[in-house]
Amino acid sequence: MPKSAEVGTRPWSSVHLNAIRGAAALIVLLGHTRSLFFSSLTADTAPTQAAANYVVRGNRATVGEVAVIIFFVLSGYLVGGSVLRSVKNGTWSWKSYLFKRITRLWVVLIPALILGISLDLVGMHLLGSAGSIYAGPSSSLVPHDLAARLSWKVIAANALFLQEILAPTAGTNNSLWSLAYEWWY
């Protein structure tokens, strides 16, 4: 690609791939919130089977599942490409790589932890009445051990990308697993 087709030091293709990756992330977000806000769209599945909405069934996958795959593939390509360019230029170092990586992921993870935990605490306090997702039976939306999933040990493990390794995801924010996967990949 000629220099004139670049924005700063990023080729236009990276800008477009990042835009596609961002769109995939939004699709994933909508997929995760679908059953919370639009339960009628998942009414064909029993509450105990709601998690099956995110598992590939036979040869079919949901749009959200495909978006997760697209997001991870593009992330790997973009991160791997930047590593290869810095190695080629002789500027690569573990220290720089790890600092950039943890900073980029913490910019997403820390606000997600704070917001998710805050919403869970408010929800448990204000929405504990009958019929609330916080008062109902355990499901894929609200785990039976929610209070334990809001402990400092669980929160610290999540902040260190150890969710689903040393601790469950914090609170009801089951989607935090993806940030641990992205860190360890």
Protein backbone atom coordinates (compact mmCIF):
# COMPACT_ATOMS: atom_id res chain seq x y z
CA MET A 1 0.00 0.00 0.00
CA PRO A 2 1.50 3.36 -0.95
CA LYS A 3 2.44 5.81 1.79
CA SER A 4 -0.22 8.26 0.59
CA ALA A 5 -2.93 5.71 1.45
CA GLU A 6 -1.91 5.59 5.11
CA VAL A 7 -3.45 7.42 8.04
CA GLY A 8 -0.57 8.33 10.32
CA THR A 9 1.37 5.07 10.56
CA ARG A 10 -1.65 2.79 10.17
CA PRO A 11 -2.58 1.48 6.75
CA TRP A 12 -6.17 2.12 5.68
CA SER A 13 -6.77 -1.63 5.79
CA SER A 14 -6.05 -1.63 9.56
CA VAL A 15 -8.55 1.18 10.07
CA HIS A 16 -11.19 -0.77 8.18
CA LEU A 17 -10.38 -4.03 9.96
CA ASN A 18 -10.61 -2.25 13.33
CA ALA A 19 -14.02 -0.87 12.27
CA ILE A 20 -15.20 -4.40 11.41
CA ARG A 21 -13.82 -5.64 14.73
CA GLY A 22 -15.72 -2.87 16.55
CA ALA A 23 -18.93 -3.77 14.74
CA ALA A 24 -18.42 -7.43 15.68
CA ALA A 25 -17.97 -6.40 19.34
CA LEU A 26 -21.26 -4.47 19.24
CA ILE A 27 -23.05 -7.46 17.72
CA VAL A 28 -21.66 -9.65 20.51
CA LEU A 29 -22.86 -7.13 23.12
CA LEU A 30 -26.34 -7.14 21.62
CA GLY A 31 -26.34 -10.94 21.56
CA HIS A 32 -25.41 -11.10 25.25
CA THR A 33 -28.09 -8.61 26.28
CA ARG A 34 -30.80 -10.06 24.04
CA SER A 35 -32.10 -12.58 26.55
CA LEU A 36 -32.03 -10.02 29.36
CA PHE A 37 -34.04 -7.31 27.60
CA PHE A 38 -35.92 -9.34 25.01
CA SER A 39 -36.82 -12.59 26.74
CA SER A 40 -39.55 -13.28 24.19
CA LEU A 41 -36.82 -13.82 21.57
CA THR A 42 -35.43 -16.72 23.57
CA ALA A 43 -38.78 -18.09 24.81
CA ASP A 44 -38.36 -21.26 22.77
CA THR A 45 -35.72 -22.41 25.25
CA ALA A 46 -36.27 -23.39 28.87
CA PRO A 47 -34.58 -21.03 31.39
CA THR A 48 -32.13 -23.74 32.44
CA GLN A 49 -31.16 -24.14 28.79
CA ALA A 50 -30.69 -20.42 28.06
CA ALA A 51 -26.92 -20.86 27.97
CA ALA A 52 -27.40 -23.20 25.00
CA ASN A 53 -28.24 -20.11 22.92
CA TYR A 54 -24.50 -19.41 22.80
CA VAL A 55 -23.36 -22.92 21.89
CA VAL A 56 -23.07 -24.03 18.30
CA ARG A 57 -25.94 -26.40 17.59
CA GLY A 58 -25.28 -28.93 14.87
CA ASN A 59 -24.07 -27.01 11.86
CA ARG A 60 -25.73 -23.69 12.80
CA ALA A 61 -24.24 -20.82 14.76
CA THR A 62 -25.91 -17.64 15.96
CA VAL A 63 -24.91 -14.24 14.61
CA GLY A 64 -23.33 -13.47 18.00
CA GLU A 65 -21.18 -16.61 17.85
CA VAL A 66 -19.96 -15.72 14.37
CA ALA A 67 -19.23 -12.16 15.56
CA VAL A 68 -17.10 -13.55 18.44
CA ILE A 69 -15.08 -15.58 15.94
CA ILE A 70 -14.66 -12.57 13.63
CA PHE A 71 -13.58 -10.40 16.59
CA PHE A 72 -10.96 -12.89 17.79
CA VAL A 73 -9.58 -13.61 14.31
CA LEU A 74 -9.24 -9.91 13.49
CA SER A 75 -7.71 -9.19 16.91
CA GLY A 76 -5.13 -11.92 16.38
CA TYR A 77 -4.35 -10.65 12.90
CA LEU A 78 -3.99 -7.01 13.99
CA VAL A 79 -1.98 -7.75 17.15
CA GLY A 80 0.17 -10.33 15.36
CA GLY A 81 0.78 -7.94 12.48
CA SER A 82 1.94 -5.18 14.81
CA VAL A 83 4.31 -7.62 16.55
CA LEU A 84 5.74 -8.79 13.21
CA ARG A 85 6.24 -5.17 12.06
CA SER A 86 8.06 -4.23 15.26
CA VAL A 87 10.24 -7.36 15.06
CA LYS A 88 11.05 -6.51 11.44
CA ASN A 89 11.94 -2.92 12.45
CA GLY A 90 14.03 -4.17 15.39
CA THR A 91 11.89 -2.28 17.92
CA TRP A 92 10.03 -5.18 19.56
CA SER A 93 10.39 -5.85 23.30
CA TRP A 94 8.40 -7.92 25.78
CA LYS A 95 8.14 -4.96 28.14
CA SER A 96 6.60 -2.68 25.51
CA TYR A 97 4.34 -5.41 24.15
CA LEU A 98 2.97 -6.41 27.57
CA PHE A 99 2.48 -2.78 28.64
CA LYS A 100 0.50 -1.96 25.47
CA ARG A 101 -1.51 -5.17 25.70
CA ILE A 102 -2.48 -4.87 29.36
CA THR A 103 -3.28 -1.17 28.98
CA ARG A 104 -5.54 -1.82 25.98
CA LEU A 105 -7.40 -4.63 27.73
CA TRP A 106 -7.68 -2.90 31.11
CA VAL A 107 -9.27 0.11 29.39
CA VAL A 108 -12.17 -2.26 28.68
CA LEU A 109 -11.99 -4.63 31.66
CA ILE A 110 -11.78 -2.20 34.58
CA PRO A 111 -14.82 -0.09 33.56
CA ALA A 112 -16.74 -3.31 32.76
CA LEU A 113 -15.95 -4.67 36.23
CA ILE A 114 -16.92 -1.42 37.97
CA LEU A 115 -20.14 -1.00 35.98
CA GLY A 116 -21.16 -4.66 36.23
CA ILE A 117 -20.49 -4.92 39.95
CA SER A 118 -22.26 -1.61 40.61
CA LEU A 119 -25.32 -2.69 38.63
CA ASP A 120 -25.39 -6.06 40.44
CA LEU A 121 -25.18 -4.42 43.86
CA VAL A 122 -27.93 -1.93 42.99
CA GLY A 123 -30.02 -4.69 41.40
CA MET A 124 -29.68 -6.97 44.44
CA HIS A 125 -30.65 -4.10 46.74
CA LEU A 126 -33.46 -2.49 44.75
CA LEU A 127 -34.73 -5.35 42.61
CA GLY A 128 -34.85 -8.16 45.12
CA SER A 129 -38.63 -8.41 44.91
CA ALA A 130 -40.50 -11.38 43.50
CA GLY A 131 -40.32 -11.56 39.72
CA SER A 132 -36.95 -9.81 39.55
CA ILE A 133 -34.04 -11.53 37.88
CA TYR A 134 -32.19 -11.11 41.18
CA ALA A 135 -34.92 -12.91 43.17
CA GLY A 136 -35.80 -15.64 40.70
CA PRO A 137 -34.27 -19.08 40.33
CA SER A 138 -30.68 -19.41 39.24
CA SER A 139 -30.27 -19.17 35.48
CA SER A 140 -27.68 -18.21 32.93
CA LEU A 141 -28.43 -14.55 33.72
CA VAL A 142 -28.11 -14.65 37.52
CA PRO A 143 -25.99 -17.40 39.11
CA HIS A 144 -27.15 -18.98 42.37
CA ASP A 145 -23.92 -17.89 44.10
CA LEU A 146 -24.08 -14.22 43.05
CA ALA A 147 -22.91 -12.83 46.42
CA ALA A 148 -19.82 -15.06 46.32
CA ARG A 149 -19.14 -13.89 42.75
CA LEU A 150 -18.93 -10.31 44.07
CA SER A 151 -16.15 -11.05 46.59
CA TRP A 152 -12.82 -9.20 46.52
CA LYS A 153 -11.02 -12.44 45.59
CA VAL A 154 -13.21 -12.92 42.50
CA ILE A 155 -12.93 -9.25 41.52
CA ALA A 156 -9.12 -9.30 41.88
CA ALA A 157 -8.87 -12.52 39.84
CA ASN A 158 -11.02 -10.94 37.11
CA ALA A 159 -8.85 -7.79 37.09
CA LEU A 160 -5.81 -10.03 36.52
CA PHE A 161 -7.49 -11.91 33.63
CA LEU A 162 -7.93 -15.06 35.70
CA GLN A 163 -11.70 -15.37 35.32
CA GLU A 164 -12.70 -18.94 34.53
CA ILE A 165 -9.13 -20.00 35.50
CA LEU A 166 -8.92 -19.28 39.26
CA ALA A 167 -12.34 -17.71 39.80
CA PRO A 168 -15.71 -17.34 38.06
CA THR A 169 -16.60 -14.17 36.20
CA ALA A 170 -17.52 -11.32 38.52
CA GLY A 171 -21.22 -11.01 39.31
CA THR A 172 -23.63 -11.52 36.44
CA ASN A 173 -21.15 -10.25 33.84
CA ASN A 174 -20.58 -13.65 32.26
CA SER A 175 -19.11 -12.01 29.15
CA LEU A 176 -15.90 -11.16 31.02
CA TRP A 177 -14.52 -14.57 30.04
CA SER A 178 -13.71 -13.11 26.62
CA LEU A 179 -11.21 -10.61 28.02
CA ALA A 180 -9.33 -13.36 29.83
CA TYR A 181 -9.24 -15.36 26.61
CA GLU A 182 -7.98 -12.34 24.68
CA TRP A 183 -5.22 -11.76 27.25
CA TRP A 184 -4.04 -15.36 27.32
CA TYR A 185 -4.27 -15.84 23.54
